[in-house]
Amino acid sequence: MALRPIVTAPHPLLKQVSKPVEMVNDATRALVDDMLETMYAAPGIGLAAIQVGIPKRIITMDVSKEPDPPSPLVLINPEIVWSSDTEQSYEEGCLSFPDQYAEVDRPASIEVKYLDRDGKAQVLKAEGLLAVCIQHEMDHLEGVLFVDHLSTLKRSMILRRMGKAKRLNTAAE
């Protein structure tokens, strides 16, 4: 396993649509392991392969909370097959937007079909934080970022803060 660098906004790769995984094999599982290690180290609760520079339809997540043991979830080629009409608002952040947060409205419950780490077909009904995390990470697979769900003003403010932080980090190096 290896830590991979996380791509940060405004990198154009984050707007790219990811390709389906043709076959779940040892290389896929090695990428999944690297993604999980990178996600936990960041620390974060979700990571899409595109965020580590790989345009494949793979997401990893773990919404467990201390003191519960880790409960990693791997979704390969995920597809939402049902979503509720009821929406919920959650304050979201993103590893590609360090230290930036905003309220985003999304369906409160979803059902998603996907392949697991072993390539077996699965179906999962999710609500609450898990539903939010799945939808957030699946957006990455389509080149959609959480800031794309915000008003133009809020999105501009976050992007300006990202630019300022990047300039400060570059000046400090």
C-alpha atoms as a PDB file:
ATOM      1  CA  MET A   1       0.000   0.000   0.000  1.00  0.00           C
ATOM      2  CA  ALA A   2       1.067   3.534  -0.685  1.00  0.00           C
ATOM      3  CA  LEU A   3      -0.101   7.042   0.027  1.00  0.00           C
ATOM      4  CA  ARG A   4      -1.022   8.844  -3.162  1.00  0.00           C
ATOM      5  CA  PRO A   5      -1.066  12.623  -3.646  1.00  0.00           C
ATOM      6  CA  ILE A   6      -4.564  14.103  -3.647  1.00  0.00           C
ATOM      7  CA  VAL A   7      -5.440  16.325  -6.607  1.00  0.00           C
ATOM      8  CA  THR A   8      -6.727  19.715  -5.406  1.00  0.00           C
ATOM      9  CA  ALA A   9      -8.938  22.283  -7.094  1.00  0.00           C
ATOM     10  CA  PRO A  10      -8.817  23.919  -9.523  1.00  0.00           C
ATOM     11  CA  HIS A  11      -6.954  21.055 -11.284  1.00  0.00           C
ATOM     12  CA  PRO A  12      -8.748  20.240 -14.592  1.00  0.00           C
ATOM     13  CA  LEU A  13      -8.570  16.488 -13.885  1.00  0.00           C
ATOM     14  CA  LEU A  14     -11.303  16.973 -11.252  1.00  0.00           C
ATOM     15  CA  LYS A  15     -13.761  17.957 -14.010  1.00  0.00           C
ATOM     16  CA  GLN A  16     -13.067  14.792 -16.045  1.00  0.00           C
ATOM     17  CA  VAL A  17     -15.666  11.992 -16.305  1.00  0.00           C
ATOM     18  CA  SER A  18     -14.242   8.682 -15.041  1.00  0.00           C
ATOM     19  CA  LYS A  19     -14.299   5.464 -17.085  1.00  0.00           C
ATOM     20  CA  PRO A  20     -15.891   2.198 -15.905  1.00  0.00           C
ATOM     21  CA  VAL A  21     -13.639  -0.495 -14.456  1.00  0.00           C
ATOM     22  CA  GLU A  22     -13.542  -3.317 -17.027  1.00  0.00           C
ATOM     23  CA  MET A  23     -12.408  -6.025 -14.637  1.00  0.00           C
ATOM     24  CA  VAL A  24     -11.831  -6.164 -10.886  1.00  0.00           C
ATOM     25  CA  ASN A  25      -8.374  -7.709 -10.548  1.00  0.00           C
ATOM     26  CA  ASP A  26      -5.273  -7.450  -8.367  1.00  0.00           C
ATOM     27  CA  ALA A  27      -4.353  -4.064  -9.878  1.00  0.00           C
ATOM     28  CA  THR A  28      -7.836  -2.739  -9.035  1.00  0.00           C
ATOM     29  CA  ARG A  29      -7.569  -4.051  -5.465  1.00  0.00           C
ATOM     30  CA  ALA A  30      -4.074  -2.499  -5.091  1.00  0.00           C
ATOM     31  CA  LEU A  31      -5.516   0.875  -6.173  1.00  0.00           C
ATOM     32  CA  VAL A  32      -8.393   0.431  -3.695  1.00  0.00           C
ATOM     33  CA  ASP A  33      -5.910  -0.313  -0.889  1.00  0.00           C
ATOM     34  CA  ASP A  34      -3.872   2.790  -1.776  1.00  0.00           C
ATOM     35  CA  MET A  35      -7.056   4.882  -1.872  1.00  0.00           C
ATOM     36  CA  LEU A  36      -8.160   3.671   1.547  1.00  0.00           C
ATOM     37  CA  GLU A  37      -4.733   4.361   3.042  1.00  0.00           C
ATOM     38  CA  THR A  38      -4.689   7.832   1.442  1.00  0.00           C
ATOM     39  CA  MET A  39      -8.255   8.585   2.609  1.00  0.00           C
ATOM     40  CA  TYR A  40      -7.553   7.563   6.218  1.00  0.00           C
ATOM     41  CA  ALA A  41      -4.251   9.482   6.287  1.00  0.00           C
ATOM     42  CA  ALA A  42      -5.801  12.707   4.897  1.00  0.00           C
ATOM     43  CA  PRO A  43      -8.034  12.223   7.070  1.00  0.00           C
ATOM     44  CA  GLY A  44     -11.301  11.941   5.165  1.00  0.00           C
ATOM     45  CA  ILE A  45     -14.445   9.834   4.965  1.00  0.00           C
ATOM     46  CA  GLY A  46     -14.538   9.393   1.191  1.00  0.00           C
ATOM     47  CA  LEU A  47     -12.267   9.403  -1.844  1.00  0.00           C
ATOM     48  CA  ALA A  48     -12.837   8.926  -5.581  1.00  0.00           C
ATOM     49  CA  ALA A  49     -10.089   7.471  -7.785  1.00  0.00           C
ATOM     50  CA  ILE A  50     -10.027  10.680  -9.872  1.00  0.00           C
ATOM     51  CA  GLN A  51      -8.885  12.514  -6.715  1.00  0.00           C
ATOM     52  CA  VAL A  52      -5.653  10.502  -6.824  1.00  0.00           C
ATOM     53  CA  GLY A  53      -5.291  11.065 -10.560  1.00  0.00           C
ATOM     54  CA  ILE A  54      -6.915   7.833 -11.793  1.00  0.00           C
ATOM     55  CA  PRO A  55     -10.033   8.399 -13.948  1.00  0.00           C
ATOM     56  CA  LYS A  56     -11.719   5.106 -12.976  1.00  0.00           C
ATOM     57  CA  ARG A  57     -15.189   4.642 -11.457  1.00  0.00           C
ATOM     58  CA  ILE A  58     -13.984   3.621  -7.979  1.00  0.00           C
ATOM     59  CA  ILE A  59     -14.829   5.194  -4.632  1.00  0.00           C
ATOM     60  CA  THR A  60     -13.781   4.340  -1.105  1.00  0.00           C
ATOM     61  CA  MET A  61     -15.394   5.572   2.078  1.00  0.00           C
ATOM     62  CA  ASP A  62     -15.737   4.997   5.783  1.00  0.00           C
ATOM     63  CA  VAL A  63     -18.302   6.953   7.777  1.00  0.00           C
ATOM     64  CA  SER A  64     -17.713   5.055  11.049  1.00  0.00           C
ATOM     65  CA  LYS A  65     -17.013   7.207  14.084  1.00  0.00           C
ATOM     66  CA  GLU A  66     -14.695   6.673  17.036  1.00  0.00           C
ATOM     67  CA  PRO A  67     -14.684   4.491  19.108  1.00  0.00           C
ATOM     68  CA  ASP A  68     -16.210   2.108  16.510  1.00  0.00           C
ATOM     69  CA  PRO A  69     -13.721   0.113  14.449  1.00  0.00           C
ATOM     70  CA  PRO A  70     -13.085   1.206  10.832  1.00  0.00           C
ATOM     71  CA  SER A  71     -15.741   0.036   8.389  1.00  0.00           C
ATOM     72  CA  PRO A  72     -14.341   0.651   4.898  1.00  0.00           C
ATOM     73  CA  LEU A  73     -16.692   0.505   1.939  1.00  0.00           C
ATOM     74  CA  VAL A  74     -15.536   0.111  -1.672  1.00  0.00           C
ATOM     75  CA  LEU A  75     -17.851   0.860  -4.590  1.00  0.00           C
ATOM     76  CA  ILE A  76     -16.689   0.010  -8.101  1.00  0.00           C
ATOM     77  CA  ASN A  77     -18.809   1.205 -11.031  1.00  0.00           C
ATOM     78  CA  PRO A  78     -21.504   2.501  -8.648  1.00  0.00           C
ATOM     79  CA  GLU A  79     -24.908   3.484 -10.008  1.00  0.00           C
ATOM     80  CA  ILE A  80     -27.752   5.088  -8.079  1.00  0.00           C
ATOM     81  CA  VAL A  81     -30.902   3.124  -8.950  1.00  0.00           C
ATOM     82  CA  TRP A  82     -33.294   4.984  -6.625  1.00  0.00           C
ATOM     83  CA  SER A  83     -33.305   8.206  -4.628  1.00  0.00           C
ATOM     84  CA  SER A  84     -35.892   9.692  -2.288  1.00  0.00           C
ATOM     85  CA  ASP A  85     -37.872  12.825  -3.069  1.00  0.00           C
ATOM     86  CA  THR A  86     -37.021  14.053   0.429  1.00  0.00           C
ATOM     87  CA  GLU A  87     -33.806  16.065   0.605  1.00  0.00           C
ATOM     88  CA  GLN A  88     -31.433  16.750   3.465  1.00  0.00           C
ATOM     89  CA  SER A  89     -28.852  19.456   3.934  1.00  0.00           C
ATOM     90  CA  TYR A  90     -25.356  18.508   5.119  1.00  0.00           C
ATOM     91  CA  GLU A  91     -22.229  20.545   5.582  1.00  0.00           C
ATOM     92  CA  GLU A  92     -19.832  18.966   3.111  1.00  0.00           C
ATOM     93  CA  GLY A  93     -16.106  19.214   2.733  1.00  0.00           C
ATOM     94  CA  CYS A  94     -13.785  17.637   0.204  1.00  0.00           C
ATOM     95  CA  LEU A  95     -10.186  16.445   0.266  1.00  0.00           C
ATOM     96  CA  SER A  96      -9.709  18.269  -3.060  1.00  0.00           C
ATOM     97  CA  PHE A  97     -10.869  21.504  -1.353  1.00  0.00           C
ATOM     98  CA  PRO A  98      -8.853  21.480   1.901  1.00  0.00           C
ATOM     99  CA  ASP A  99     -10.513  23.319   4.801  1.00  0.00           C
ATOM    100  CA  GLN A 100     -13.508  24.439   2.707  1.00  0.00           C
ATOM    101  CA  TYR A 101     -17.061  23.553   3.757  1.00  0.00           C
ATOM    102  CA  ALA A 102     -20.576  24.385   2.599  1.00  0.00           C
ATOM    103  CA  GLU A 103     -24.163  23.203   3.041  1.00  0.00           C
ATOM    104  CA  VAL A 104     -25.347  21.017   0.144  1.00  0.00           C
ATOM    105  CA  ASP A 105     -28.863  19.620  -0.397  1.00  0.00           C
ATOM    106  CA  ARG A 106     -29.094  16.025  -1.625  1.00  0.00           C
ATOM    107  CA  PRO A 107     -31.657  13.199  -1.558  1.00  0.00           C
ATOM    108  CA  ALA A 108     -31.969  11.867   2.015  1.00  0.00           C
ATOM    109  CA  SER A 109     -32.037   8.186   0.983  1.00  0.00           C
ATOM    110  CA  ILE A 110     -30.612   6.339  -2.000  1.00  0.00           C
ATOM    111  CA  GLU A 111     -30.160   2.829  -3.309  1.00  0.00           C
ATOM    112  CA  VAL A 112     -26.938   2.108  -5.155  1.00  0.00           C
ATOM    113  CA  LYS A 113     -25.747  -0.945  -7.071  1.00  0.00           C
ATOM    114  CA  TYR A 114     -22.030  -1.557  -7.439  1.00  0.00           C
ATOM    115  CA  LEU A 115     -19.240  -4.117  -7.516  1.00  0.00           C
ATOM    116  CA  ASP A 116     -17.366  -4.736  -4.276  1.00  0.00           C
ATOM    117  CA  ARG A 117     -13.610  -5.172  -3.821  1.00  0.00           C
ATOM    118  CA  ASP A 118     -13.914  -8.770  -5.046  1.00  0.00           C
ATOM    119  CA  GLY A 119     -15.971  -7.875  -8.118  1.00  0.00           C
ATOM    120  CA  LYS A 120     -19.250  -9.200  -6.679  1.00  0.00           C
ATOM    121  CA  ALA A 121     -22.460  -7.314  -7.487  1.00  0.00           C
ATOM    122  CA  GLN A 122     -24.002  -5.591  -4.450  1.00  0.00           C
ATOM    123  CA  VAL A 123     -26.963  -3.352  -3.677  1.00  0.00           C
ATOM    124  CA  LEU A 124     -26.946  -0.940  -0.745  1.00  0.00           C
ATOM    125  CA  LYS A 125     -29.692   1.274   0.644  1.00  0.00           C
ATOM    126  CA  ALA A 126     -28.168   4.291   2.367  1.00  0.00           C
ATOM    127  CA  GLU A 127     -29.417   7.295   4.315  1.00  0.00           C
ATOM    128  CA  GLY A 128     -27.937  10.071   6.409  1.00  0.00           C
ATOM    129  CA  LEU A 129     -24.204  10.672   6.206  1.00  0.00           C
ATOM    130  CA  LEU A 130     -23.582   7.488   4.193  1.00  0.00           C
ATOM    131  CA  ALA A 131     -26.053   8.603   1.496  1.00  0.00           C
ATOM    132  CA  VAL A 132     -24.441  12.053   1.391  1.00  0.00           C
ATOM    133  CA  CYS A 133     -20.940  10.589   1.134  1.00  0.00           C
ATOM    134  CA  ILE A 134     -21.899   8.175  -1.666  1.00  0.00           C
ATOM    135  CA  GLN A 135     -23.554  10.958  -3.679  1.00  0.00           C
ATOM    136  CA  HIS A 136     -20.619  13.343  -3.105  1.00  0.00           C
ATOM    137  CA  GLU A 137     -18.074  10.754  -4.260  1.00  0.00           C
ATOM    138  CA  MET A 138     -20.231   9.635  -7.191  1.00  0.00           C
ATOM    139  CA  ASP A 139     -20.376  13.264  -8.326  1.00  0.00           C
ATOM    140  CA  HIS A 140     -16.570  13.139  -8.620  1.00  0.00           C
ATOM    141  CA  LEU A 141     -16.949  10.265 -11.108  1.00  0.00           C
ATOM    142  CA  GLU A 142     -18.992  12.618 -13.320  1.00  0.00           C
ATOM    143  CA  GLY A 143     -16.590  15.558 -12.976  1.00  0.00           C
ATOM    144  CA  VAL A 144     -18.996  17.339 -10.606  1.00  0.00           C
ATOM    145  CA  LEU A 145     -17.638  18.989  -7.457  1.00  0.00           C
ATOM    146  CA  PHE A 146     -19.553  19.851  -4.296  1.00  0.00           C
ATOM    147  CA  VAL A 147     -19.040  23.556  -5.070  1.00  0.00           C
ATOM    148  CA  ASP A 148     -20.996  23.025  -8.307  1.00  0.00           C
ATOM    149  CA  HIS A 149     -24.106  22.588  -6.120  1.00  0.00           C
ATOM    150  CA  LEU A 150     -23.618  26.041  -4.568  1.00  0.00           C
ATOM    151  CA  SER A 151     -24.679  29.499  -5.652  1.00  0.00           C
ATOM    152  CA  THR A 152     -22.247  31.365  -7.890  1.00  0.00           C
ATOM    153  CA  LEU A 153     -21.368  33.664  -4.975  1.00  0.00           C
ATOM    154  CA  LYS A 154     -20.592  30.850  -2.503  1.00  0.00           C
ATOM    155  CA  ARG A 155     -18.619  28.916  -5.136  1.00  0.00           C
ATOM    156  CA  SER A 156     -16.582  32.031  -6.018  1.00  0.00           C
ATOM    157  CA  MET A 157     -15.788  32.673  -2.348  1.00  0.00           C
ATOM    158  CA  ILE A 158     -14.485  29.118  -1.872  1.00  0.00           C
ATOM    159  CA  LEU A 159     -12.425  29.227  -5.071  1.00  0.00           C
ATOM    160  CA  ARG A 160     -10.920  32.600  -4.054  1.00  0.00           C
ATOM    161  CA  ARG A 161      -9.957  31.153  -0.644  1.00  0.00           C
ATOM    162  CA  MET A 162      -8.411  28.135  -2.392  1.00  0.00           C
ATOM    163  CA  GLY A 163      -6.369  30.422  -4.656  1.00  0.00           C
ATOM    164  CA  LYS A 164      -5.230  32.540  -1.733  1.00  0.00           C
ATOM    165  CA  ALA A 165      -4.199  29.464   0.292  1.00  0.00           C
ATOM    166  CA  LYS A 166      -2.292  28.100  -2.705  1.00  0.00           C
ATOM    167  CA  ARG A 167      -0.447  31.401  -3.176  1.00  0.00           C
ATOM    168  CA  LEU A 168       0.440  31.516   0.554  1.00  0.00           C
ATOM    169  CA  ASN A 169       1.731  27.931   0.446  1.00  0.00           C
ATOM    170  CA  THR A 170       3.795  28.652  -2.678  1.00  0.00           C
ATOM    171  CA  ALA A 171       5.289  31.765  -1.065  1.00  0.00           C
ATOM    172  CA  ALA A 172       6.180  29.802   2.092  1.00  0.00           C
ATOM    173  CA  GLU A 173       8.111  27.151   0.143  1.00  0.00           C
END
